Structure formats: C-alpha cells, structure tokens
Amino acid sequence: MTEHNDTGDENAKPTAVGCVVTLLSVAVVLGVAYPVVQWLHSLPIQLPHEAVVPAPLLLGAIFYGVVSEFLKLLGVRLWAKGKKELPPSAKG
C-alpha cells in the first residue's frame, strides 16, 4: 500500500504516528486475509479468487484513509517536512 504524501514535498518523511497507522493498516490486511482465505477454501463451491482476494487490501486501504482523516481532524501530522538539500555548488 503506497502512502500519499500530503505535504507535496518529495523529501517528506512519515512521522512516528504515520508509521504506526501504516503498520496498523498492514495488520488489518493480514488480519482480514487469513479468515477470508480459510473461508474461501472451506466452501464446497469455487468462487472466483479475483473477487474475494482483493477484499482485505480494500479494507486495509479504507482503514488507512479513515484513520488518517480522523487524525488530520485532530491536528496530528502523519508527514514531517523533509530537509531541503542544497545543490552541490551551493554547499562549498
């Protein structure tokens, strides 16, 4: 799952809160994927995997979006502005 950089700065780095939200999103994906796969293999009929397998990814993305918007409403930053690097000619 690729995170969206809201600062518009290509040098921006995720904050500790941003890292935790990302890890929780991955946990949601894995936590949903295991029961879905077990349920899929226990069915007597064959369902198309293309319809069932993306469901955990979709739920993880929805979780990330909802939590990140909620944290933005609270004023918690998920991205820190990166340091601007000077061109090599300006350093010396």
N, C-alpha and C. Protein backbone atom coordinates (compact mmCIF):
# COMPACT_ATOMS: atom_id res chain seq x y z
N MET A 1 0.84 -1.14 0.00
CA MET A 1 0.00 0.00 0.00
C MET A 1 0.90 1.23 0.00
N THR A 2 0.75 2.05 -1.02
CA THR A 2 1.57 3.23 -1.11
C THR A 2 0.91 4.38 -0.38
N GLU A 3 1.69 5.05 0.47
CA GLU A 3 1.14 6.17 1.20
C GLU A 3 1.18 7.42 0.35
N HIS A 4 0.21 8.28 0.57
CA HIS A 4 0.15 9.54 -0.16
C HIS A 4 0.80 10.62 0.69
N ASN A 5 1.73 11.35 0.11
CA ASN A 5 2.45 12.41 0.79
C ASN A 5 1.63 13.69 0.68
N ASP A 6 1.00 14.11 1.78
CA ASP A 6 0.14 15.28 1.75
C ASP A 6 0.90 16.59 1.72
N THR A 7 2.16 16.59 2.08
CA THR A 7 2.90 17.84 2.14
C THR A 7 3.32 18.32 0.77
N GLY A 8 3.34 17.47 -0.22
CA GLY A 8 3.77 17.85 -1.55
C GLY A 8 5.29 17.93 -1.68
N ASP A 9 5.99 17.59 -0.62
CA ASP A 9 7.44 17.65 -0.58
C ASP A 9 7.98 16.25 -0.81
N GLU A 10 8.84 16.09 -1.81
CA GLU A 10 9.36 14.76 -2.10
C GLU A 10 10.36 14.28 -1.05
N ASN A 11 10.85 15.18 -0.20
CA ASN A 11 11.77 14.80 0.87
C ASN A 11 11.05 14.55 2.19
N ALA A 12 9.73 14.63 2.20
CA ALA A 12 8.96 14.44 3.44
C ALA A 12 9.09 13.00 3.92
N LYS A 13 9.08 12.84 5.23
CA LYS A 13 9.18 11.52 5.84
C LYS A 13 7.99 11.32 6.77
N PRO A 14 7.52 10.07 6.90
CA PRO A 14 6.40 9.84 7.81
C PRO A 14 6.83 10.05 9.26
N THR A 15 5.92 10.58 10.06
CA THR A 15 6.19 10.74 11.49
C THR A 15 5.99 9.39 12.17
N ALA A 16 6.22 9.36 13.48
CA ALA A 16 6.01 8.11 14.23
C ALA A 16 4.55 7.69 14.16
N VAL A 17 3.65 8.66 14.22
CA VAL A 17 2.22 8.35 14.13
C VAL A 17 1.90 7.80 12.74
N GLY A 18 2.50 8.37 11.70
CA GLY A 18 2.28 7.88 10.35
C GLY A 18 2.76 6.45 10.18
N CYS A 19 3.89 6.13 10.80
CA CYS A 19 4.41 4.75 10.74
C CYS A 19 3.48 3.78 11.46
N VAL A 20 2.96 4.20 12.61
CA VAL A 20 2.05 3.33 13.37
C VAL A 20 0.76 3.08 12.59
N VAL A 21 0.23 4.13 11.97
CA VAL A 21 -1.00 3.97 11.17
C VAL A 21 -0.75 3.02 10.00
N THR A 22 0.41 3.13 9.37
CA THR A 22 0.74 2.24 8.26
C THR A 22 0.85 0.80 8.74
N LEU A 23 1.54 0.59 9.86
CA LEU A 23 1.67 -0.77 10.40
C LEU A 23 0.31 -1.34 10.81
N LEU A 24 -0.55 -0.51 11.38
CA LEU A 24 -1.89 -0.98 11.73
C LEU A 24 -2.70 -1.34 10.49
N SER A 25 -2.50 -0.58 9.41
CA SER A 25 -3.19 -0.91 8.16
C SER A 25 -2.74 -2.26 7.61
N VAL A 26 -1.45 -2.52 7.69
CA VAL A 26 -0.93 -3.82 7.26
C VAL A 26 -1.49 -4.93 8.15
N ALA A 27 -1.59 -4.66 9.45
CA ALA A 27 -2.17 -5.65 10.37
C ALA A 27 -3.63 -5.93 10.03
N VAL A 28 -4.36 -4.90 9.64
CA VAL A 28 -5.76 -5.10 9.23
C VAL A 28 -5.82 -5.97 7.99
N VAL A 29 -4.95 -5.70 7.02
CA VAL A 29 -4.93 -6.50 5.79
C VAL A 29 -4.65 -7.97 6.12
N LEU A 30 -3.63 -8.22 6.93
CA LEU A 30 -3.29 -9.60 7.28
C LEU A 30 -4.35 -10.24 8.16
N GLY A 31 -4.92 -9.44 9.07
CA GLY A 31 -5.95 -9.97 9.96
C GLY A 31 -7.22 -10.34 9.24
N VAL A 32 -7.52 -9.64 8.16
CA VAL A 32 -8.71 -9.96 7.37
C VAL A 32 -8.40 -11.04 6.36
N ALA A 33 -7.18 -11.06 5.84
CA ALA A 33 -6.83 -12.01 4.78
C ALA A 33 -6.89 -13.46 5.26
N TYR A 34 -6.39 -13.71 6.46
CA TYR A 34 -6.36 -15.09 6.94
C TYR A 34 -7.76 -15.71 7.04
N PRO A 35 -8.72 -15.06 7.71
CA PRO A 35 -10.06 -15.66 7.74
C PRO A 35 -10.72 -15.76 6.37
N VAL A 36 -10.46 -14.79 5.49
CA VAL A 36 -11.05 -14.84 4.15
C VAL A 36 -10.52 -16.04 3.39
N VAL A 37 -9.22 -16.28 3.47
CA VAL A 37 -8.63 -17.43 2.76
C VAL A 37 -9.13 -18.74 3.36
N GLN A 38 -9.22 -18.83 4.67
CA GLN A 38 -9.74 -20.04 5.31
C GLN A 38 -11.19 -20.28 4.89
N TRP A 39 -11.98 -19.22 4.87
CA TRP A 39 -13.38 -19.34 4.48
C TRP A 39 -13.49 -19.75 3.02
N LEU A 40 -12.62 -19.19 2.17
CA LEU A 40 -12.66 -19.48 0.74
C LEU A 40 -12.34 -20.95 0.47
N HIS A 41 -11.39 -21.50 1.22
CA HIS A 41 -11.00 -22.89 0.99
C HIS A 41 -11.99 -23.88 1.62
N SER A 42 -12.82 -23.42 2.54
CA SER A 42 -13.77 -24.34 3.17
C SER A 42 -15.09 -24.43 2.42
N LEU A 43 -15.30 -23.60 1.42
CA LEU A 43 -16.55 -23.62 0.68
C LEU A 43 -16.60 -24.82 -0.26
N PRO A 44 -17.78 -25.43 -0.39
CA PRO A 44 -17.90 -26.57 -1.31
C PRO A 44 -17.89 -26.14 -2.78
N ILE A 45 -18.17 -24.88 -3.05
CA ILE A 45 -18.15 -24.40 -4.43
C ILE A 45 -16.93 -23.50 -4.63
N GLN A 46 -16.55 -23.32 -5.86
CA GLN A 46 -15.40 -22.48 -6.17
C GLN A 46 -15.87 -21.07 -6.51
N LEU A 47 -15.41 -20.10 -5.73
CA LEU A 47 -15.67 -18.70 -6.03
C LEU A 47 -14.48 -18.14 -6.79
N PRO A 48 -14.71 -17.15 -7.63
CA PRO A 48 -13.57 -16.56 -8.34
C PRO A 48 -12.66 -15.82 -7.36
N HIS A 49 -11.38 -16.17 -7.37
CA HIS A 49 -10.41 -15.56 -6.46
C HIS A 49 -10.25 -14.07 -6.74
N GLU A 50 -10.48 -13.65 -7.98
CA GLU A 50 -10.34 -12.24 -8.33
C GLU A 50 -11.36 -11.39 -7.60
N ALA A 51 -12.46 -11.98 -7.18
CA ALA A 51 -13.50 -11.23 -6.48
C ALA A 51 -13.30 -11.22 -4.97
N VAL A 52 -12.65 -12.23 -4.42
CA VAL A 52 -12.54 -12.37 -2.97
C VAL A 52 -11.20 -11.91 -2.43
N VAL A 53 -10.12 -12.20 -3.12
CA VAL A 53 -8.79 -11.91 -2.61
C VAL A 53 -8.51 -10.41 -2.44
N PRO A 54 -8.97 -9.51 -3.30
CA PRO A 54 -8.70 -8.08 -3.09
C PRO A 54 -9.44 -7.46 -1.91
N ALA A 55 -10.40 -8.15 -1.32
CA ALA A 55 -11.18 -7.59 -0.22
C ALA A 55 -10.32 -7.15 0.96
N PRO A 56 -9.34 -7.94 1.43
CA PRO A 56 -8.50 -7.46 2.54
C PRO A 56 -7.69 -6.22 2.19
N LEU A 57 -7.22 -6.13 0.96
CA LEU A 57 -6.47 -4.93 0.55
C LEU A 57 -7.37 -3.70 0.55
N LEU A 58 -8.58 -3.88 0.09
CA LEU A 58 -9.53 -2.78 0.08
C LEU A 58 -9.87 -2.34 1.50
N LEU A 59 -10.07 -3.29 2.39
CA LEU A 59 -10.37 -2.94 3.79
C LEU A 59 -9.19 -2.26 4.46
N GLY A 60 -7.97 -2.69 4.16
CA GLY A 60 -6.79 -2.03 4.72
C GLY A 60 -6.66 -0.60 4.21
N ALA A 61 -6.94 -0.38 2.95
CA ALA A 61 -6.88 0.97 2.38
C ALA A 61 -7.96 1.87 2.98
N ILE A 62 -9.15 1.33 3.17
CA ILE A 62 -10.22 2.10 3.79
C ILE A 62 -9.86 2.44 5.23
N PHE A 63 -9.28 1.48 5.95
CA PHE A 63 -8.85 1.73 7.33
C PHE A 63 -7.83 2.87 7.37
N TYR A 64 -6.84 2.82 6.49
CA TYR A 64 -5.81 3.86 6.47
C TYR A 64 -6.43 5.22 6.16
N GLY A 65 -7.32 5.27 5.20
CA GLY A 65 -7.94 6.53 4.83
C GLY A 65 -8.78 7.13 5.94
N VAL A 66 -9.57 6.30 6.59
CA VAL A 66 -10.44 6.78 7.67
C VAL A 66 -9.61 7.26 8.85
N VAL A 67 -8.62 6.46 9.26
CA VAL A 67 -7.80 6.83 10.42
C VAL A 67 -6.98 8.07 10.12
N SER A 68 -6.41 8.18 8.93
CA SER A 68 -5.59 9.34 8.61
C SER A 68 -6.43 10.62 8.56
N GLU A 69 -7.63 10.54 8.02
CA GLU A 69 -8.50 11.72 8.02
C GLU A 69 -8.95 12.10 9.43
N PHE A 70 -9.23 11.11 10.26
CA PHE A 70 -9.60 11.39 11.65
C PHE A 70 -8.45 12.07 12.39
N LEU A 71 -7.23 11.57 12.17
CA LEU A 71 -6.07 12.18 12.83
C LEU A 71 -5.81 13.59 12.30
N LYS A 72 -6.08 13.83 11.02
CA LYS A 72 -5.92 15.18 10.49
C LYS A 72 -6.92 16.14 11.14
N LEU A 73 -8.13 15.65 11.39
CA LEU A 73 -9.13 16.48 12.07
C LEU A 73 -8.68 16.83 13.48
N LEU A 74 -7.96 15.93 14.12
CA LEU A 74 -7.45 16.18 15.46
C LEU A 74 -6.17 17.03 15.44
N GLY A 75 -5.61 17.24 14.27
CA GLY A 75 -4.40 18.04 14.14
C GLY A 75 -3.11 17.26 14.25
N VAL A 76 -3.18 15.95 14.16
CA VAL A 76 -1.99 15.11 14.24
C VAL A 76 -1.40 14.98 12.84
N ARG A 77 -0.12 15.24 12.72
CA ARG A 77 0.54 15.17 11.42
C ARG A 77 1.05 13.75 11.16
N LEU A 78 0.84 13.28 9.94
CA LEU A 78 1.34 11.97 9.54
C LEU A 78 2.65 12.08 8.76
N TRP A 79 2.94 13.28 8.27
CA TRP A 79 4.15 13.50 7.48
C TRP A 79 4.91 14.69 8.04
N ALA A 80 6.22 14.57 8.11
CA ALA A 80 7.09 15.67 8.53
C ALA A 80 7.81 16.20 7.29
N LYS A 81 7.92 17.50 7.22
CA LYS A 81 8.61 18.09 6.07
C LYS A 81 10.08 17.72 6.11
N GLY A 82 10.59 17.28 4.99
CA GLY A 82 12.00 16.89 4.89
C GLY A 82 12.90 18.10 4.80
N LYS A 83 14.16 17.88 5.08
CA LYS A 83 15.14 18.95 4.97
C LYS A 83 15.43 19.19 3.51
N LYS A 84 15.47 20.44 3.14
CA LYS A 84 15.82 20.79 1.76
C LYS A 84 17.32 20.67 1.59
N GLU A 85 17.73 19.89 0.62
CA GLU A 85 19.16 19.72 0.38
C GLU A 85 19.62 20.77 -0.62
N LEU A 86 20.75 21.36 -0.30
CA LEU A 86 21.33 22.36 -1.18
C LEU A 86 22.01 21.67 -2.36
N PRO A 87 21.99 22.32 -3.53
CA PRO A 87 22.72 21.75 -4.65
C PRO A 87 24.21 21.72 -4.35
N PRO A 88 24.96 20.82 -4.97
CA PRO A 88 26.40 20.69 -4.68
C PRO A 88 27.18 21.99 -4.86
N SER A 89 26.77 22.85 -5.76
CA SER A 89 27.51 24.10 -5.99
C SER A 89 27.30 25.09 -4.85
N ALA A 90 26.17 25.01 -4.13
CA ALA A 90 25.89 25.96 -3.05
C ALA A 90 26.47 25.51 -1.71
N LYS A 91 26.90 24.26 -1.60
CA LYS A 91 27.42 23.76 -0.31
C LYS A 91 28.81 24.31 0.01
N GLY A 92 29.65 24.46 -0.96
CA GLY A 92 31.04 24.77 -0.72
C GLY A 92 31.34 26.20 -0.68
